[in-house]
PDB file of N, CA and C in Angstrom:
ATOM      1  N   UNK A   1      23.975 -16.942  -2.811  1.00  0.00           N
ATOM      2  CA  UNK A   1      23.022 -15.900  -2.542  1.00  0.00           C
ATOM      3  C   UNK A   1      23.144 -15.411  -1.102  1.00  0.00           C
ATOM      4  N   UNK A   2      23.380 -16.360  -0.203  1.00  0.00           N
ATOM      5  CA  UNK A   2      23.498 -15.976   1.210  1.00  0.00           C
ATOM      6  C   UNK A   2      24.641 -14.982   1.397  1.00  0.00           C
ATOM      7  N   UNK A   3      25.737 -15.197   0.724  1.00  0.00           N
ATOM      8  CA  UNK A   3      26.868 -14.272   0.849  1.00  0.00           C
ATOM      9  C   UNK A   3      26.510 -12.887   0.329  1.00  0.00           C
ATOM     10  N   UNK A   4      25.715 -12.824  -0.730  1.00  0.00           N
ATOM     11  CA  UNK A   4      25.360 -11.539  -1.327  1.00  0.00           C
ATOM     12  C   UNK A   4      24.463 -10.708  -0.411  1.00  0.00           C
ATOM     13  N   UNK A   5      23.414 -11.324   0.172  1.00  0.00           N
ATOM     14  CA  UNK A   5      22.529 -10.509   1.007  1.00  0.00           C
ATOM     15  C   UNK A   5      23.153 -10.153   2.338  1.00  0.00           C
ATOM     16  N   UNK A   6      24.192 -10.878   2.741  1.00  0.00           N
ATOM     17  CA  UNK A   6      24.864 -10.567   4.003  1.00  0.00           C
ATOM     18  C   UNK A   6      26.011  -9.575   3.832  1.00  0.00           C
ATOM     19  N   UNK A   7      26.386  -9.294   2.597  1.00  0.00           N
ATOM     20  CA  UNK A   7      27.557  -8.459   2.315  1.00  0.00           C
ATOM     21  C   UNK A   7      27.190  -6.975   2.278  1.00  0.00           C
ATOM     22  N   UNK A   8      27.582  -6.206   3.294  1.00  0.00           N
ATOM     23  CA  UNK A   8      27.226  -4.786   3.329  1.00  0.00           C
ATOM     24  C   UNK A   8      27.922  -3.956   2.250  1.00  0.00           C
ATOM     25  N   UNK A   9      28.897  -4.523   1.550  1.00  0.00           N
ATOM     26  CA  UNK A   9      29.540  -3.768   0.472  1.00  0.00           C
ATOM     27  C   UNK A   9      28.727  -3.833  -0.823  1.00  0.00           C
ATOM     28  N   UNK A  10      27.752  -4.740  -0.889  1.00  0.00           N
ATOM     29  CA  UNK A  10      26.875  -4.826  -2.055  1.00  0.00           C
ATOM     30  C   UNK A  10      25.842  -3.687  -2.006  1.00  0.00           C
ATOM     31  N   UNK A  11      25.318  -3.326  -3.152  1.00  0.00           N
ATOM     32  CA  UNK A  11      24.279  -2.292  -3.184  1.00  0.00           C
ATOM     33  C   UNK A  11      23.025  -2.820  -2.476  1.00  0.00           C
ATOM     34  N   UNK A  12      22.217  -1.931  -1.930  1.00  0.00           N
ATOM     35  CA  UNK A  12      20.984  -2.389  -1.286  1.00  0.00           C
ATOM     36  C   UNK A  12      20.104  -3.202  -2.235  1.00  0.00           C
ATOM     37  N   UNK A  13      20.020  -2.791  -3.493  1.00  0.00           N
ATOM     38  CA  UNK A  13      19.208  -3.515  -4.467  1.00  0.00           C
ATOM     39  C   UNK A  13      19.734  -4.925  -4.702  1.00  0.00           C
ATOM     40  N   UNK A  14      21.044  -5.078  -4.776  1.00  0.00           N
ATOM     41  CA  UNK A  14      21.639  -6.407  -4.968  1.00  0.00           C
ATOM     42  C   UNK A  14      21.410  -7.278  -3.737  1.00  0.00           C
ATOM     43  N   UNK A  15      21.537  -6.698  -2.557  1.00  0.00           N
ATOM     44  CA  UNK A  15      21.309  -7.456  -1.331  1.00  0.00           C
ATOM     45  C   UNK A  15      19.857  -7.896  -1.218  1.00  0.00           C
ATOM     46  N   UNK A  16      18.925  -7.003  -1.542  1.00  0.00           N
ATOM     47  CA  UNK A  16      17.508  -7.347  -1.477  1.00  0.00           C
ATOM     48  C   UNK A  16      17.170  -8.420  -2.499  1.00  0.00           C
ATOM     49  N   UNK A  17      17.681  -8.283  -3.717  1.00  0.00           N
ATOM     50  CA  UNK A  17      17.444  -9.299  -4.749  1.00  0.00           C
ATOM     51  C   UNK A  17      17.999 -10.651  -4.317  1.00  0.00           C
ATOM     52  N   UNK A  18      19.170 -10.664  -3.714  1.00  0.00           N
ATOM     53  CA  UNK A  18      19.765 -11.918  -3.252  1.00  0.00           C
ATOM     54  C   UNK A  18      18.941 -12.529  -2.113  1.00  0.00           C
ATOM     55  N   UNK A  19      18.433 -11.685  -1.227  1.00  0.00           N
ATOM     56  CA  UNK A  19      17.612 -12.190  -0.118  1.00  0.00           C
ATOM     57  C   UNK A  19      16.328 -12.817  -0.647  1.00  0.00           C
ATOM     58  N   UNK A  20      15.681 -12.153  -1.589  1.00  0.00           N
ATOM     59  CA  UNK A  20      14.460 -12.692  -2.181  1.00  0.00           C
ATOM     60  C   UNK A  20      14.786 -13.967  -2.959  1.00  0.00           C
ATOM     61  N   UNK A  21      15.890 -13.947  -3.691  1.00  0.00           N
ATOM     62  CA  UNK A  21      16.315 -15.140  -4.419  1.00  0.00           C
ATOM     63  C   UNK A  21      16.553 -16.314  -3.487  1.00  0.00           C
ATOM     64  N   UNK A  22      17.187 -16.065  -2.354  1.00  0.00           N
ATOM     65  CA  UNK A  22      17.427 -17.135  -1.384  1.00  0.00           C
ATOM     66  C   UNK A  22      16.098 -17.706  -0.900  1.00  0.00           C
ATOM     67  N   UNK A  23      15.135 -16.832  -0.602  1.00  0.00           N
ATOM     68  CA  UNK A  23      13.822 -17.298  -0.154  1.00  0.00           C
ATOM     69  C   UNK A  23      13.138 -18.157  -1.216  1.00  0.00           C
ATOM     70  N   UNK A  24      13.328 -17.802  -2.477  1.00  0.00           N
ATOM     71  CA  UNK A  24      12.704 -18.554  -3.575  1.00  0.00           C
ATOM     72  C   UNK A  24      13.360 -19.912  -3.798  1.00  0.00           C
ATOM     73  N   UNK A  25      14.604 -20.041  -3.434  1.00  0.00           N
ATOM     74  CA  UNK A  25      15.357 -21.253  -3.741  1.00  0.00           C
ATOM     75  C   UNK A  25      15.428 -22.275  -2.619  1.00  0.00           C
ATOM     76  N   UNK A  26      14.873 -21.948  -1.457  1.00  0.00           N
ATOM     77  CA  UNK A  26      14.988 -22.880  -0.344  1.00  0.00           C
ATOM     78  C   UNK A  26      13.658 -23.015   0.392  1.00  0.00           C
ATOM     79  N   UNK A  27      13.500 -24.144   1.030  1.00  0.00           N
ATOM     80  CA  UNK A  27      12.352 -24.356   1.908  1.00  0.00           C
ATOM     81  C   UNK A  27      12.744 -24.163   3.366  1.00  0.00           C
ATOM     82  N   UNK A  28      13.994 -23.815   3.607  1.00  0.00           N
ATOM     83  CA  UNK A  28      14.465 -23.596   4.970  1.00  0.00           C
ATOM     84  C   UNK A  28      13.765 -22.378   5.570  1.00  0.00           C
ATOM     85  N   UNK A  29      13.570 -22.376   6.871  1.00  0.00           N
ATOM     86  CA  UNK A  29      13.021 -21.175   7.510  1.00  0.00           C
ATOM     87  C   UNK A  29      13.977 -19.995   7.316  1.00  0.00           C
ATOM     88  N   UNK A  30      13.416 -18.834   7.131  1.00  0.00           N
ATOM     89  CA  UNK A  30      14.244 -17.637   6.946  1.00  0.00           C
ATOM     90  C   UNK A  30      14.959 -17.304   8.250  1.00  0.00           C
ATOM     91  N   UNK A  31      16.288 -17.182   8.186  1.00  0.00           N
ATOM     92  CA  UNK A  31      17.022 -16.806   9.399  1.00  0.00           C
ATOM     93  C   UNK A  31      16.688 -15.371   9.818  1.00  0.00           C
ATOM     94  N   UNK A  32      16.865 -15.100  11.086  1.00  0.00           N
ATOM     95  CA  UNK A  32      16.547 -13.774  11.619  1.00  0.00           C
ATOM     96  C   UNK A  32      17.318 -12.665  10.914  1.00  0.00           C
ATOM     97  N   UNK A  33      18.594 -12.917  10.574  1.00  0.00           N
ATOM     98  CA  UNK A  33      19.363 -11.850   9.927  1.00  0.00           C
ATOM     99  C   UNK A  33      18.875 -11.592   8.500  1.00  0.00           C
ATOM    100  N   UNK A  34      18.302 -12.585   7.833  1.00  0.00           N
ATOM    101  CA  UNK A  34      17.712 -12.362   6.517  1.00  0.00           C
ATOM    102  C   UNK A  34      16.448 -11.515   6.660  1.00  0.00           C
ATOM    103  N   UNK A  35      15.624 -11.841   7.644  1.00  0.00           N
ATOM    104  CA  UNK A  35      14.416 -11.047   7.885  1.00  0.00           C
ATOM    105  C   UNK A  35      14.778  -9.593   8.199  1.00  0.00           C
ATOM    106  N   UNK A  36      15.795  -9.405   9.004  1.00  0.00           N
ATOM    107  CA  UNK A  36      16.229  -8.049   9.354  1.00  0.00           C
ATOM    108  C   UNK A  36      16.746  -7.307   8.120  1.00  0.00           C
ATOM    109  N   UNK A  37      17.477  -8.009   7.271  1.00  0.00           N
ATOM    110  CA  UNK A  37      17.985  -7.403   6.042  1.00  0.00           C
ATOM    111  C   UNK A  37      16.832  -6.971   5.150  1.00  0.00           C
ATOM    112  N   UNK A  38      15.859  -7.846   4.973  1.00  0.00           N
ATOM    113  CA  UNK A  38      14.698  -7.523   4.142  1.00  0.00           C
ATOM    114  C   UNK A  38      13.931  -6.348   4.737  1.00  0.00           C
ATOM    115  N   UNK A  39      13.699  -6.363   6.036  1.00  0.00           N
ATOM    116  CA  UNK A  39      12.989  -5.254   6.683  1.00  0.00           C
ATOM    117  C   UNK A  39      13.728  -3.938   6.489  1.00  0.00           C
ATOM    118  N   UNK A  40      15.039  -3.983   6.600  1.00  0.00           N
ATOM    119  CA  UNK A  40      15.852  -2.777   6.464  1.00  0.00           C
ATOM    120  C   UNK A  40      15.871  -2.251   5.024  1.00  0.00           C
ATOM    121  N   UNK A  41      15.944  -3.159   4.061  1.00  0.00           N
ATOM    122  CA  UNK A  41      16.117  -2.751   2.661  1.00  0.00           C
ATOM    123  C   UNK A  41      14.816  -2.519   1.906  1.00  0.00           C
ATOM    124  N   UNK A  42      13.698  -2.976   2.439  1.00  0.00           N
ATOM    125  CA  UNK A  42      12.418  -2.804   1.748  1.00  0.00           C
ATOM    126  C   UNK A  42      11.808  -1.473   2.159  1.00  0.00           C
ATOM    127  N   UNK A  43      12.256  -0.435   1.498  1.00  0.00           N
ATOM    128  CA  UNK A  43      11.715   0.899   1.758  1.00  0.00           C
ATOM    129  C   UNK A  43      10.520   1.140   0.839  1.00  0.00           C
ATOM    130  N   UNK A  44       9.694   2.102   1.201  1.00  0.00           N
ATOM    131  CA  UNK A  44       8.556   2.459   0.344  1.00  0.00           C
ATOM    132  C   UNK A  44       9.047   2.907  -1.030  1.00  0.00           C
ATOM    133  N   UNK A  45      10.106   3.692  -1.053  1.00  0.00           N
ATOM    134  CA  UNK A  45      10.649   4.187  -2.324  1.00  0.00           C
ATOM    135  C   UNK A  45      11.093   3.025  -3.217  1.00  0.00           C
ATOM    136  N   UNK A  46      11.798   2.081  -2.656  1.00  0.00           N
ATOM    137  CA  UNK A  46      12.280   0.923  -3.423  1.00  0.00           C
ATOM    138  C   UNK A  46      11.103   0.048  -3.860  1.00  0.00           C
ATOM    139  N   UNK A  47      10.136  -0.155  -2.977  1.00  0.00           N
ATOM    140  CA  UNK A  47       8.974  -0.984  -3.310  1.00  0.00           C
ATOM    141  C   UNK A  47       8.173  -0.359  -4.453  1.00  0.00           C
ATOM    142  N   UNK A  48       7.980   0.945  -4.414  1.00  0.00           N
ATOM    143  CA  UNK A  48       7.239   1.614  -5.493  1.00  0.00           C
ATOM    144  C   UNK A  48       8.039   1.618  -6.795  1.00  0.00           C
ATOM    145  N   UNK A  49       9.343   1.787  -6.710  1.00  0.00           N
ATOM    146  CA  UNK A  49      10.176   1.757  -7.915  1.00  0.00           C
ATOM    147  C   UNK A  49      10.115   0.387  -8.583  1.00  0.00           C
ATOM    148  N   UNK A  50      10.072  -0.673  -7.782  1.00  0.00           N
ATOM    149  CA  UNK A  50      10.036  -2.026  -8.346  1.00  0.00           C
ATOM    150  C   UNK A  50       8.704  -2.350  -8.996  1.00  0.00           C
ATOM    151  N   UNK A  51       7.653  -1.575  -8.715  1.00  0.00           N
ATOM    152  CA  UNK A  51       6.373  -1.804  -9.377  1.00  0.00           C
ATOM    153  C   UNK A  51       6.451  -1.490 -10.874  1.00  0.00           C
ATOM    154  N   UNK A  52       7.535  -0.870 -11.315  1.00  0.00           N
ATOM    155  CA  UNK A  52       7.743  -0.641 -12.751  1.00  0.00           C
ATOM    156  C   UNK A  52       8.063  -1.952 -13.473  1.00  0.00           C
ATOM    157  N   UNK A  53       8.492  -2.972 -12.726  1.00  0.00           N
ATOM    158  CA  UNK A  53       8.758  -4.284 -13.318  1.00  0.00           C
ATOM    159  C   UNK A  53       7.426  -4.978 -13.569  1.00  0.00           C
ATOM    160  N   UNK A  54       7.221  -5.512 -14.761  1.00  0.00           N
ATOM    161  CA  UNK A  54       5.915  -6.100 -15.083  1.00  0.00           C
ATOM    162  C   UNK A  54       5.433  -7.140 -14.079  1.00  0.00           C
ATOM    163  N   UNK A  55       6.290  -8.044 -13.638  1.00  0.00           N
ATOM    164  CA  UNK A  55       5.846  -9.094 -12.717  1.00  0.00           C
ATOM    165  C   UNK A  55       5.548  -8.540 -11.335  1.00  0.00           C
ATOM    166  N   UNK A  56       6.202  -7.464 -10.936  1.00  0.00           N
ATOM    167  CA  UNK A  56       5.884  -6.846  -9.655  1.00  0.00           C
ATOM    168  C   UNK A  56       4.564  -6.087  -9.748  1.00  0.00           C
ATOM    169  N   UNK A  57       4.308  -5.464 -10.877  1.00  0.00           N
ATOM    170  CA  UNK A  57       3.048  -4.752 -11.063  1.00  0.00           C
ATOM    171  C   UNK A  57       1.868  -5.722 -11.022  1.00  0.00           C
ATOM    172  N   UNK A  58       2.019  -6.900 -11.609  1.00  0.00           N
ATOM    173  CA  UNK A  58       0.954  -7.904 -11.603  1.00  0.00           C
ATOM    174  C   UNK A  58       0.722  -8.417 -10.189  1.00  0.00           C
ATOM    175  N   UNK A  59       1.786  -8.506  -9.413  1.00  0.00           N
ATOM    176  CA  UNK A  59       1.671  -9.032  -8.046  1.00  0.00           C
ATOM    177  C   UNK A  59       1.089  -8.017  -7.075  1.00  0.00           C
ATOM    178  N   UNK A  60       0.969  -6.765  -7.506  1.00  0.00           N
ATOM    179  CA  UNK A  60       0.559  -5.698  -6.598  1.00  0.00           C
ATOM    180  C   UNK A  60      -0.951  -5.569  -6.494  1.00  0.00           C
ATOM    181  N   UNK A  61      -1.511  -5.875  -5.320  1.00  0.00           N
ATOM    182  CA  UNK A  61      -2.918  -5.551  -5.130  1.00  0.00           C
ATOM    183  C   UNK A  61      -3.078  -4.038  -5.017  1.00  0.00           C
ATOM    184  N   UNK A  62      -4.262  -3.571  -4.896  1.00  0.00           N
ATOM    185  CA  UNK A  62      -4.518  -2.132  -4.954  1.00  0.00           C
ATOM    186  C   UNK A  62      -3.802  -1.324  -3.873  1.00  0.00           C
ATOM    187  N   UNK A  63      -3.677  -1.843  -2.674  1.00  0.00           N
ATOM    188  CA  UNK A  63      -3.087  -1.056  -1.586  1.00  0.00           C
ATOM    189  C   UNK A  63      -1.734  -1.575  -1.113  1.00  0.00           C
ATOM    190  N   UNK A  64      -1.125  -2.451  -1.865  1.00  0.00           N
ATOM    191  CA  UNK A  64       0.144  -3.061  -1.456  1.00  0.00           C
ATOM    192  C   UNK A  64       1.018  -3.200  -2.693  1.00  0.00           C
ATOM    193  N   UNK A  65       2.287  -2.822  -2.587  1.00  0.00           N
ATOM    194  CA  UNK A  65       3.179  -2.977  -3.736  1.00  0.00           C
ATOM    195  C   UNK A  65       3.470  -4.458  -3.969  1.00  0.00           C
ATOM    196  N   UNK A  66       3.902  -4.769  -5.174  1.00  0.00           N
ATOM    197  CA  UNK A  66       4.251  -6.143  -5.502  1.00  0.00           C
ATOM    198  C   UNK A  66       5.374  -6.671  -4.629  1.00  0.00           C
ATOM    199  N   UNK A  67       6.371  -5.831  -4.365  1.00  0.00           N
ATOM    200  CA  UNK A  67       7.489  -6.256  -3.519  1.00  0.00           C
ATOM    201  C   UNK A  67       6.997  -6.596  -2.119  1.00  0.00           C
ATOM    202  N   UNK A  68       6.200  -5.735  -1.538  1.00  0.00           N
ATOM    203  CA  UNK A  68       5.708  -5.998  -0.177  1.00  0.00           C
ATOM    204  C   UNK A  68       4.816  -7.240  -0.156  1.00  0.00           C
ATOM    205  N   UNK A  69       4.016  -7.450  -1.205  1.00  0.00           N
ATOM    206  CA  UNK A  69       3.176  -8.642  -1.258  1.00  0.00           C
ATOM    207  C   UNK A  69       4.040  -9.898  -1.362  1.00  0.00           C
ATOM    208  N   UNK A  70       5.049  -9.866  -2.229  1.00  0.00           N
ATOM    209  CA  UNK A  70       5.930 -11.028  -2.385  1.00  0.00           C
ATOM    210  C   UNK A  70       6.613 -11.371  -1.064  1.00  0.00           C
ATOM    211  N   UNK A  71       7.106 -10.358  -0.387  1.00  0.00           N
ATOM    212  CA  UNK A  71       7.780 -10.592   0.895  1.00  0.00           C
ATOM    213  C   UNK A  71       6.790 -11.120   1.923  1.00  0.00           C
ATOM    214  N   UNK A  72       5.584 -10.540   1.966  1.00  0.00           N
ATOM    215  CA  UNK A  72       4.562 -11.021   2.903  1.00  0.00           C
ATOM    216  C   UNK A  72       4.227 -12.482   2.619  1.00  0.00           C
ATOM    217  N   UNK A  73       4.071 -12.842   1.364  1.00  0.00           N
ATOM    218  CA  UNK A  73       3.730 -14.218   1.006  1.00  0.00           C
ATOM    219  C   UNK A  73       4.853 -15.188   1.354  1.00  0.00           C
ATOM    220  N   UNK A  74       6.103 -14.750   1.217  1.00  0.00           N
ATOM    221  CA  UNK A  74       7.230 -15.642   1.510  1.00  0.00           C
ATOM    222  C   UNK A  74       7.526 -15.741   3.004  1.00  0.00           C
ATOM    223  N   UNK A  75       7.423 -14.633   3.715  1.00  0.00           N
ATOM    224  CA  UNK A  75       7.773 -14.638   5.139  1.00  0.00           C
ATOM    225  C   UNK A  75       6.575 -14.842   6.060  1.00  0.00           C
ATOM    226  N   UNK A  76       5.384 -14.518   5.589  1.00  0.00           N
ATOM    227  CA  UNK A  76       4.177 -14.622   6.417  1.00  0.00           C
ATOM    228  C   UNK A  76       3.021 -15.175   5.582  1.00  0.00           C
ATOM    229  N   UNK A  77       3.145 -16.399   5.087  1.00  0.00           N
ATOM    230  CA  UNK A  77       2.110 -16.944   4.199  1.00  0.00           C
ATOM    231  C   UNK A  77       0.740 -17.098   4.867  1.00  0.00           C
ATOM    232  N   UNK A  78       0.708 -17.051   6.185  1.00  0.00           N
ATOM    233  CA  UNK A  78      -0.571 -17.173   6.885  1.00  0.00           C
ATOM    234  C   UNK A  78      -1.398 -15.889   6.817  1.00  0.00           C
ATOM    235  N   UNK A  79      -0.767 -14.777   6.485  1.00  0.00           N
ATOM    236  CA  UNK A  79      -1.496 -13.516   6.403  1.00  0.00           C
ATOM    237  C   UNK A  79      -2.319 -13.471   5.114  1.00  0.00           C
ATOM    238  N   UNK A  80      -3.575 -13.089   5.222  1.00  0.00           N
ATOM    239  CA  UNK A  80      -4.421 -13.061   4.023  1.00  0.00           C
ATOM    240  C   UNK A  80      -4.108 -11.875   3.122  1.00  0.00           C
ATOM    241  N   UNK A  81      -4.507 -12.016   1.863  1.00  0.00           N
ATOM    242  CA  UNK A  81      -4.416 -10.893   0.933  1.00  0.00           C
ATOM    243  C   UNK A  81      -5.440  -9.842   1.334  1.00  0.00           C
ATOM    244  N   UNK A  82      -5.206  -8.602   0.922  1.00  0.00           N
ATOM    245  CA  UNK A  82      -6.205  -7.555   1.208  1.00  0.00           C
ATOM    246  C   UNK A  82      -7.560  -7.934   0.607  1.00  0.00           C
ATOM    247  N   UNK A  83      -8.614  -7.484   1.244  1.00  0.00           N
ATOM    248  CA  UNK A  83      -9.977  -7.748   0.766  1.00  0.00           C
ATOM    249  C   UNK A  83     -10.119  -7.207  -0.654  1.00  0.00           C
ATOM    250  N   UNK A  84     -10.705  -8.004  -1.501  1.00  0.00           N
ATOM    251  CA  UNK A  84     -10.955  -7.584  -2.871  1.00  0.00           C
ATOM    252  C   UNK A  84      -9.819  -7.843  -3.842  1.00  0.00           C
ATOM    253  N   UNK A  85      -8.708  -8.420  -3.373  1.00  0.00           N
ATOM    254  CA  UNK A  85      -7.585  -8.697  -4.266  1.00  0.00           C
ATOM    255  C   UNK A  85      -7.859  -9.973  -5.038  1.00  0.00           C
ATOM    256  N   UNK A  86      -7.752  -9.906  -6.345  1.00  0.00           N
ATOM    257  CA  UNK A  86      -7.953 -11.062  -7.221  1.00  0.00           C
ATOM    258  C   UNK A  86      -6.575 -11.565  -7.628  1.00  0.00           C
ATOM    259  N   UNK A  87      -6.142 -12.676  -7.057  1.00  0.00           N
ATOM    260  CA  UNK A  87      -4.809 -13.225  -7.292  1.00  0.00           C
ATOM    261  C   UNK A  87      -4.671 -13.672  -8.753  1.00  0.00           C
ATOM    262  N   UNK A  88      -3.760 -13.037  -9.515  1.00  0.00           N
ATOM    263  CA  UNK A  88      -3.616 -13.396 -10.921  1.00  0.00           C
ATOM    264  C   UNK A  88      -3.017 -14.786 -11.133  1.00  0.00           C
ATOM    265  N   UNK A  89      -2.419 -15.376 -10.086  1.00  0.00           N
ATOM    266  CA  UNK A  89      -1.791 -16.692 -10.238  1.00  0.00           C
ATOM    267  C   UNK A  89      -2.614 -17.799  -9.597  1.00  0.00           C
ATOM    268  N   UNK A  90      -3.782 -17.457  -9.056  1.00  0.00           N
ATOM    269  CA  UNK A  90      -4.612 -18.489  -8.385  1.00  0.00           C
ATOM    270  C   UNK A  90      -5.268 -19.388  -9.399  1.00  0.00           C
TER     271      UNK A  90
END
């Protein structure tokens, strides 16, 4: 997965998926270049498009896309959910 998100010849979607996959599969701290890759590839357009996926739609609170919430939870777990968000997995 690390090779995929670091490979600029891969599509942005493949790189972002690999970066998220790497975060899901390890307890290691996220390296700076992974954070930079995620920041670069997580556009509003891509985040809204991914809300068409059922699991991303469920993860999306009212003012935050599912992708942005997932990334926030993985990279910044200390940040609270928006007020009024009812976590479907709690």
